[in-house]
Amino acid sequence: MPLLRILALLLCACTGAVAAAHPPPPAAHVDADGPYVFRKGHTLQARWVCDDRVVSRRLRHADTAVQLPPACGYPHALTLSPPRSAGTAVLPATPRIVALSDIHGQYGLLRQLLRANQVIDAGDRWNLGSDTLVVAGDVFDRGPQVTEAFWLLYSLQQQAQAAGGAVHFVLGNHETMVLYDDLRYVNPKYLRSAQLLGMSYPQLYGAGSVIGQWLRTRPVLLRIGDTLFLHGGISPQALQMALNPDATNAAYQASLGTAKAEVKANPVTAPLYDGKTSPIWYRGYFDGHMDTPGVQHLLQQLGLQRIVVGHTSMPHVSSFHDGRIIAIDSSIKNGENGELLFIEDGKLSRGLLDGSRVPLVEGQPQRDD
């Protein structure tokens, strides 16, 4: 290939990479978004964007839950609870776990999938009794209903706890990206909402907001019985992080919202955000960087039966490395299809969009050349 041709291709590639690092322009109009709820002393301030106009409501609160009726955006009334502290990273086994990941603003598809598999009822309320739901990260970015998806999970967590069950949201790389102001994948709708509300998009999820506080208590590593749930994966370089999950979760929670350049430059936090080896970014189970004996040795060191991850998109919930790695990013982000993982007394299956249950797909790792 002529030298000038090579230089032209490199220039185009670099230009594209630079352009991709910038957020898109804001949308021209927002039909419905919200609520965004902020704590100010003994007052809760709720704000929506309805037909491109800001609607506000103030509520007095003490140390008890407060009811917030809908205005637009999320369609259900909300119970806003006082902030809670982060829980432990290690939980006992439970007979039934349902898991999914990488919702990316596809609230309609999320609701359809949960309803079809009877995780929620026709009114979008918790329907699994004492069972457990795990969402392995990435609600932010791409799709047009991020706000609704967060409030659904927030509400289901309350309802599940009241029923003796549990909902766990595990942080993904897109949660950390938005909170440190990397907005290259944000849906333009939300940049318009932020303009109208007079705040930056990350400020809408600041430490003083209800969802922002909630996110800052979510784990990155969650072990339930003999299964570890996380967004990306545990690389050999991150083994110590997985051996001390409570400390790792605390380190992530303390650093959320810190500027990207700062967390990357600090040798204490840089490993948490490394784009190749950190728990929120790792893809080595699928690209040939780890073979099956290597994965088996990793699980033996951690005392695990399996690791369940999102982040790496698949057409189906899939099993890798003889069932030791389960990939649950079923490409919900595309807005066309999605699947659930069921773990029931150690038996694994996947729940489809029509509510049927089928075996997991056997995935084949591909070497990254």
Protein backbone atom coordinates (compact mmCIF):
# COMPACT_ATOMS: atom_id res chain seq x y z
CA MET A 1 0.00 0.00 0.00
CA PRO A 2 1.44 3.45 -0.90
CA LEU A 3 2.79 5.48 2.00
CA LEU A 4 0.36 8.34 1.43
CA ARG A 5 -2.56 5.89 1.54
CA ILE A 6 -1.34 4.47 4.86
CA LEU A 7 -0.91 7.96 6.33
CA ALA A 8 -4.40 8.92 5.18
CA LEU A 9 -5.93 5.86 6.83
CA LEU A 10 -4.06 6.54 10.07
CA LEU A 11 -5.22 10.15 10.04
CA CYS A 12 -8.83 9.09 9.55
CA ALA A 13 -8.56 6.56 12.37
CA CYS A 14 -7.07 9.10 14.75
CA THR A 15 -9.66 11.70 13.84
CA GLY A 16 -12.44 9.21 14.43
CA ALA A 17 -11.00 8.21 17.80
CA VAL A 18 -10.77 11.83 18.91
CA ALA A 19 -14.33 12.52 17.76
CA ALA A 20 -15.63 9.43 19.55
CA ALA A 21 -14.16 10.68 22.84
CA HIS A 22 -16.48 13.70 22.87
CA PRO A 23 -20.14 13.57 23.92
CA PRO A 24 -22.81 13.94 21.24
CA PRO A 25 -24.73 17.22 20.85
CA PRO A 26 -27.84 17.56 23.05
CA ALA A 27 -31.20 16.51 21.68
CA ALA A 28 -33.51 19.27 20.43
CA HIS A 29 -36.42 18.24 22.66
CA VAL A 30 -37.15 15.97 25.64
CA ASP A 31 -40.61 14.45 25.80
CA ALA A 32 -40.37 12.98 29.30
CA ASP A 33 -37.55 12.40 31.77
CA GLY A 34 -37.29 12.08 35.51
CA PRO A 35 -37.60 12.38 38.32
CA TYR A 36 -34.22 13.58 39.52
CA VAL A 37 -34.45 13.86 43.29
CA PHE A 38 -32.05 15.78 45.51
CA ARG A 39 -31.73 15.94 49.29
CA LYS A 40 -31.39 19.43 50.74
CA GLY A 41 -31.49 19.35 54.54
CA HIS A 42 -34.96 18.16 55.51
CA THR A 43 -36.32 18.74 52.02
CA LEU A 44 -36.45 16.55 48.94
CA GLN A 45 -36.50 18.39 45.64
CA ALA A 46 -37.86 16.38 42.70
CA ARG A 47 -37.45 17.67 39.14
CA TRP A 48 -38.73 16.33 35.84
CA VAL A 49 -38.46 17.42 32.22
CA CYS A 50 -41.96 17.13 30.71
CA ASP A 51 -42.45 18.22 27.10
CA ASP A 52 -39.14 20.13 27.28
CA ARG A 53 -40.18 22.04 30.38
CA VAL A 54 -38.96 21.64 33.96
CA VAL A 55 -41.51 20.54 36.56
CA SER A 56 -40.48 20.77 40.23
CA ARG A 57 -41.89 19.54 43.51
CA ARG A 58 -40.60 19.87 47.08
CA LEU A 59 -41.32 17.36 49.83
CA ARG A 60 -40.59 17.58 53.53
CA HIS A 61 -39.00 14.50 55.05
CA ALA A 62 -37.53 13.34 58.31
CA ASP A 63 -35.90 9.95 58.73
CA THR A 64 -38.73 7.98 57.20
CA ALA A 65 -39.73 7.05 53.66
CA VAL A 66 -41.55 9.63 51.52
CA GLN A 67 -44.01 8.97 48.71
CA LEU A 68 -43.46 10.78 45.38
CA PRO A 69 -46.24 10.62 42.78
CA PRO A 70 -45.22 10.55 39.09
CA ALA A 71 -45.28 13.59 36.82
CA CYS A 72 -43.70 12.19 33.65
CA GLY A 73 -40.84 9.83 32.85
CA TYR A 74 -40.95 6.96 35.35
CA PRO A 75 -44.66 6.02 35.44
CA HIS A 76 -45.04 4.75 39.01
CA ALA A 77 -45.14 6.40 42.42
CA LEU A 78 -41.85 6.16 44.27
CA THR A 79 -41.02 5.42 47.88
CA LEU A 80 -37.92 7.48 48.66
CA SER A 81 -36.05 5.90 51.56
CA PRO A 82 -33.33 7.43 53.75
CA PRO A 83 -29.79 6.66 52.55
CA ARG A 84 -28.45 3.26 53.49
CA SER A 85 -24.91 2.08 54.08
CA ALA A 86 -23.19 -0.36 51.77
CA GLY A 87 -23.75 -4.03 52.50
CA THR A 88 -21.29 -6.89 52.63
CA ALA A 89 -19.79 -8.33 49.45
CA VAL A 90 -20.20 -11.95 50.53
CA LEU A 91 -23.64 -13.48 51.01
CA PRO A 92 -24.82 -17.02 51.72
CA ALA A 93 -26.16 -19.23 48.97
CA THR A 94 -29.79 -18.84 48.00
CA PRO A 95 -31.90 -21.44 46.17
CA ARG A 96 -32.85 -19.22 43.23
CA ILE A 97 -30.99 -16.36 41.55
CA VAL A 98 -32.03 -14.50 38.41
CA ALA A 99 -29.40 -12.34 36.70
CA LEU A 100 -28.98 -10.01 33.74
CA SER A 101 -26.74 -7.13 32.73
CA ASP A 102 -26.08 -4.25 30.34
CA ILE A 103 -29.54 -2.72 30.19
CA HIS A 104 -28.18 0.54 28.73
CA GLY A 105 -31.37 2.55 28.94
CA GLN A 106 -33.66 -0.10 27.39
CA TYR A 107 -36.31 0.16 30.09
CA GLY A 108 -39.15 -1.11 27.91
CA LEU A 109 -37.28 -4.27 26.98
CA LEU A 110 -36.14 -4.75 30.59
CA ARG A 111 -39.72 -4.55 31.83
CA GLN A 112 -40.95 -6.91 29.09
CA LEU A 113 -38.26 -9.46 29.94
CA LEU A 114 -38.89 -9.32 33.71
CA ARG A 115 -42.66 -9.56 33.24
CA ALA A 116 -42.42 -12.50 30.82
CA ASN A 117 -40.30 -14.44 33.32
CA GLN A 118 -42.52 -13.48 36.29
CA VAL A 119 -39.81 -11.55 38.08
CA ILE A 120 -42.26 -8.64 38.23
CA ASP A 121 -46.03 -8.58 37.89
CA ALA A 122 -48.19 -6.65 35.41
CA GLY A 123 -47.90 -3.57 37.65
CA ASP A 124 -44.07 -3.79 37.63
CA ARG A 125 -43.89 -4.88 41.26
CA TRP A 126 -41.60 -7.55 42.71
CA ASN A 127 -42.95 -11.05 42.12
CA LEU A 128 -40.09 -13.35 43.16
CA GLY A 129 -40.83 -13.56 46.88
CA SER A 130 -37.69 -14.61 48.77
CA ASP A 131 -35.57 -15.09 45.63
CA THR A 132 -32.72 -12.89 44.37
CA LEU A 133 -32.22 -10.68 41.32
CA VAL A 134 -28.71 -9.54 40.33
CA VAL A 135 -28.07 -6.87 37.70
CA ALA A 136 -24.40 -6.89 36.69
CA GLY A 137 -23.91 -3.27 35.71
CA ASP A 138 -24.36 -0.78 32.87
CA VAL A 139 -27.74 0.89 33.14
CA PHE A 140 -26.23 4.17 31.92
CA ASP A 141 -25.68 5.28 28.31
CA ARG A 142 -26.89 4.45 24.81
CA GLY A 143 -30.64 3.94 25.29
CA PRO A 144 -33.39 6.53 25.90
CA GLN A 145 -34.79 5.40 29.28
CA VAL A 146 -31.90 5.28 31.74
CA THR A 147 -33.80 7.18 34.42
CA GLU A 148 -36.77 4.80 34.31
CA ALA A 149 -34.50 1.73 34.52
CA PHE A 150 -32.72 3.05 37.61
CA TRP A 151 -35.97 3.85 39.41
CA LEU A 152 -37.40 0.42 38.59
CA LEU A 153 -34.37 -1.30 40.14
CA TYR A 154 -34.39 1.07 43.12
CA SER A 155 -38.07 0.29 43.74
CA LEU A 156 -37.69 -3.45 43.22
CA GLN A 157 -34.91 -3.52 45.79
CA GLN A 158 -37.26 -2.08 48.40
CA GLN A 159 -40.11 -4.41 47.46
CA ALA A 160 -37.87 -7.50 47.41
CA GLN A 161 -36.48 -6.72 50.84
CA ALA A 162 -40.00 -6.39 52.23
CA ALA A 163 -40.84 -9.82 50.75
CA GLY A 164 -37.72 -11.51 52.15
CA GLY A 165 -35.89 -11.46 48.81
CA ALA A 166 -33.12 -9.27 47.41
CA VAL A 167 -32.20 -7.13 44.42
CA HIS A 168 -28.51 -6.36 43.89
CA PHE A 169 -27.19 -3.83 41.41
CA VAL A 170 -23.48 -4.29 40.67
CA LEU A 171 -21.62 -1.32 39.20
CA GLY A 172 -20.38 -1.49 35.61
CA ASN A 173 -17.83 0.55 33.69
CA HIS A 174 -20.53 2.87 32.31
CA GLU A 175 -21.60 3.85 35.83
CA THR A 176 -18.04 4.87 36.64
CA MET A 177 -17.64 6.62 33.26
CA VAL A 178 -20.70 8.84 33.65
CA LEU A 179 -19.82 9.70 37.24
CA TYR A 180 -16.32 10.83 36.22
CA ASP A 181 -17.72 12.83 33.28
CA ASP A 182 -16.84 10.55 30.36
CA LEU A 183 -20.02 11.12 28.34
CA ARG A 184 -19.04 9.78 24.93
CA TYR A 185 -21.88 7.18 24.97
CA VAL A 186 -24.61 9.22 26.66
CA ASN A 187 -27.94 9.46 24.89
CA PRO A 188 -28.43 13.04 23.56
CA LYS A 189 -31.75 13.22 25.42
CA TYR A 190 -29.93 13.43 28.74
CA LEU A 191 -27.65 16.24 27.70
CA ARG A 192 -30.77 18.25 26.85
CA SER A 193 -32.32 17.36 30.23
CA ALA A 194 -29.15 18.51 31.98
CA GLN A 195 -29.22 21.80 30.05
CA LEU A 196 -32.81 22.47 31.05
CA LEU A 197 -32.12 21.57 34.67
CA GLY A 198 -29.06 23.84 34.76
CA MET A 199 -26.63 21.08 35.75
CA SER A 200 -24.08 18.83 34.13
CA TYR A 201 -25.22 15.27 33.51
CA PRO A 202 -22.92 13.80 36.21
CA GLN A 203 -24.29 16.38 38.68
CA LEU A 204 -27.76 14.88 38.20
CA TYR A 205 -26.27 11.78 39.89
CA GLY A 206 -24.15 13.62 42.44
CA ALA A 207 -23.72 12.49 46.03
CA GLY A 208 -26.65 14.67 47.07
CA SER A 209 -29.13 12.96 44.74
CA VAL A 210 -31.17 9.92 45.77
CA ILE A 211 -29.95 7.71 42.91
CA GLY A 212 -26.42 9.12 43.21
CA GLN A 213 -26.32 8.17 46.90
CA TRP A 214 -27.69 4.73 46.03
CA LEU A 215 -25.04 4.18 43.35
CA ARG A 216 -22.29 5.11 45.80
CA THR A 217 -23.29 2.18 48.01
CA ARG A 218 -23.45 -0.43 45.23
CA PRO A 219 -20.78 -3.15 44.98
CA VAL A 220 -18.49 -4.04 42.11
CA LEU A 221 -17.90 -7.56 43.45
CA LEU A 222 -20.76 -9.62 44.85
CA ARG A 223 -20.35 -13.22 45.96
CA ILE A 224 -23.48 -15.29 46.62
CA GLY A 225 -22.62 -18.78 47.78
CA ASP A 226 -20.13 -20.24 45.29
CA THR A 227 -20.86 -17.74 42.51
CA LEU A 228 -19.16 -14.37 41.97
CA PHE A 229 -21.08 -11.67 40.09
CA LEU A 230 -19.35 -8.68 38.54
CA HIS A 231 -19.44 -6.63 35.38
CA GLY A 232 -16.18 -7.35 33.56
CA GLY A 233 -14.25 -10.18 35.19
CA ILE A 234 -11.35 -11.06 37.46
CA SER A 235 -8.03 -11.01 35.68
CA PRO A 236 -4.95 -12.71 37.17
CA GLN A 237 -3.65 -9.20 37.91
CA ALA A 238 -6.78 -8.42 39.95
CA LEU A 239 -6.77 -11.60 42.03
CA GLN A 240 -6.08 -9.75 45.29
CA MET A 241 -9.08 -7.49 44.66
CA ALA A 242 -11.32 -10.54 44.48
CA LEU A 243 -9.76 -12.09 47.58
CA ASN A 244 -10.76 -9.00 49.60
CA PRO A 245 -14.05 -7.94 48.00
CA ASP A 246 -15.29 -5.71 50.82
CA ALA A 247 -12.13 -3.58 50.63
CA THR A 248 -12.34 -3.48 46.84
CA ASN A 249 -15.97 -2.37 46.91
CA ALA A 250 -15.15 0.32 49.47
CA ALA A 251 -12.32 1.60 47.26
CA TYR A 252 -14.63 1.88 44.27
CA GLN A 253 -17.39 3.53 46.28
CA ALA A 254 -14.98 6.09 47.73
CA SER A 255 -13.61 6.99 44.29
CA LEU A 256 -16.89 7.30 42.39
CA GLY A 257 -17.26 10.77 40.93
CA THR A 258 -13.55 11.56 41.17
CA ALA A 259 -12.21 13.07 37.94
CA LYS A 260 -11.07 10.52 35.37
CA ALA A 261 -7.55 11.94 35.12
CA GLU A 262 -7.20 11.82 38.89
CA VAL A 263 -8.25 8.19 39.34
CA LYS A 264 -6.03 7.14 36.43
CA ALA A 265 -3.01 9.01 37.79
CA ASN A 266 -3.35 7.82 41.40
CA PRO A 267 -1.50 4.48 41.86
CA VAL A 268 -4.04 3.47 44.50
CA THR A 269 -7.10 3.87 42.26
CA ALA A 270 -5.56 3.29 38.81
CA PRO A 271 -5.86 -0.54 39.04
CA LEU A 272 -9.58 -0.17 39.76
CA TYR A 273 -10.11 1.57 36.42
CA ASP A 274 -7.51 -0.09 34.18
CA GLY A 275 -9.19 -0.63 30.82
CA LYS A 276 -7.65 -4.06 30.27
CA THR A 277 -7.37 -5.79 33.65
CA SER A 278 -9.76 -4.20 36.14
CA PRO A 279 -12.95 -5.92 37.38
CA ILE A 280 -15.19 -3.49 35.48
CA TRP A 281 -13.39 -3.81 32.12
CA TYR A 282 -11.78 -7.27 31.80
CA ARG A 283 -12.67 -9.43 28.75
CA GLY A 284 -9.93 -12.05 29.00
CA TYR A 285 -12.25 -15.06 29.36
CA PHE A 286 -13.51 -14.57 25.83
CA ASP A 287 -10.61 -13.21 23.76
CA GLY A 288 -8.05 -15.97 24.38
CA HIS A 289 -6.06 -14.25 27.12
CA MET A 290 -7.16 -16.96 29.57
CA ASP A 291 -7.59 -20.61 28.66
CA THR A 292 -9.75 -23.13 30.51
CA PRO A 293 -6.97 -24.45 32.80
CA GLY A 294 -6.15 -20.84 33.69
CA VAL A 295 -9.78 -20.10 34.51
CA GLN A 296 -10.00 -23.29 36.58
CA HIS A 297 -6.91 -22.30 38.56
CA LEU A 298 -8.34 -18.82 39.16
CA LEU A 299 -11.59 -20.25 40.52
CA GLN A 300 -9.71 -22.66 42.75
CA GLN A 301 -7.76 -19.77 44.25
CA LEU A 302 -11.02 -17.93 44.92
CA GLY A 303 -12.95 -20.97 46.13
CA LEU A 304 -15.66 -20.47 43.50
CA GLN A 305 -17.80 -22.71 41.33
CA ARG A 306 -18.37 -20.05 38.67
CA ILE A 307 -18.04 -16.37 37.76
CA VAL A 308 -20.98 -14.55 36.15
CA VAL A 309 -20.12 -11.46 34.08
CA GLY A 310 -21.65 -8.91 31.74
CA HIS A 311 -19.76 -6.32 29.64
CA THR A 312 -18.86 -8.57 26.69
CA SER A 313 -21.88 -8.67 24.39
CA MET A 314 -23.26 -12.04 23.32
CA PRO A 315 -26.36 -12.97 21.31
CA HIS A 316 -27.44 -15.25 24.17
CA VAL A 317 -26.65 -16.03 27.81
CA SER A 318 -23.68 -18.34 27.28
CA SER A 319 -21.44 -20.78 29.13
CA PHE A 320 -17.65 -20.70 28.66
CA HIS A 321 -14.75 -22.76 29.99
CA ASP A 322 -16.85 -25.81 30.91
CA GLY A 323 -19.43 -23.77 32.80
CA ARG A 324 -16.94 -21.87 34.92
CA ILE A 325 -17.69 -18.53 33.24
CA ILE A 326 -21.25 -17.44 32.45
CA ALA A 327 -21.69 -14.46 30.12
CA ILE A 328 -24.99 -12.65 30.70
CA ASP A 329 -24.68 -9.55 28.49
CA SER A 330 -27.31 -10.74 26.01
CA SER A 331 -27.20 -7.52 23.95
CA ILE A 332 -30.23 -5.88 25.56
CA LYS A 333 -28.57 -2.58 24.62
CA ASN A 334 -29.60 -3.13 20.99
CA GLY A 335 -33.25 -2.81 22.01
CA GLU A 336 -34.33 -5.95 20.17
CA ASN A 337 -33.90 -8.94 22.48
CA GLY A 338 -32.71 -9.97 25.91
CA GLU A 339 -32.34 -13.00 28.17
CA LEU A 340 -32.09 -13.84 31.86
CA LEU A 341 -29.84 -16.30 33.64
CA PHE A 342 -31.55 -18.57 36.18
CA ILE A 343 -29.50 -20.40 38.82
CA GLU A 344 -31.80 -22.75 40.71
CA ASP A 345 -30.20 -25.11 43.23
CA GLY A 346 -27.07 -25.15 41.08
CA LYS A 347 -28.91 -25.80 37.79
CA LEU A 348 -28.53 -23.15 35.11
CA SER A 349 -30.96 -22.10 32.37
CA ARG A 350 -31.89 -18.97 30.46
CA GLY A 351 -35.23 -17.18 30.35
CA LEU A 352 -36.30 -15.79 26.99
CA LEU A 353 -38.36 -12.78 26.04
CA ASP A 354 -41.45 -14.96 25.58
CA GLY A 355 -41.07 -16.42 29.08
CA SER A 356 -39.81 -19.82 27.95
CA ARG A 357 -36.82 -21.53 29.57
CA VAL A 358 -34.02 -23.18 27.58
CA PRO A 359 -30.46 -24.42 28.22
CA LEU A 360 -27.49 -22.05 28.09
CA VAL A 361 -25.61 -21.66 24.81
CA GLU A 362 -22.10 -23.14 24.80
CA GLY A 363 -19.79 -20.25 23.91
CA GLN A 364 -16.41 -20.56 22.23
CA PRO A 365 -13.60 -18.18 23.29
CA GLN A 366 -12.04 -16.29 20.38
CA ARG A 367 -8.43 -15.21 20.34
CA ASP A 368 -7.98 -11.46 20.10
CA ASP A 369 -5.50 -10.93 17.28
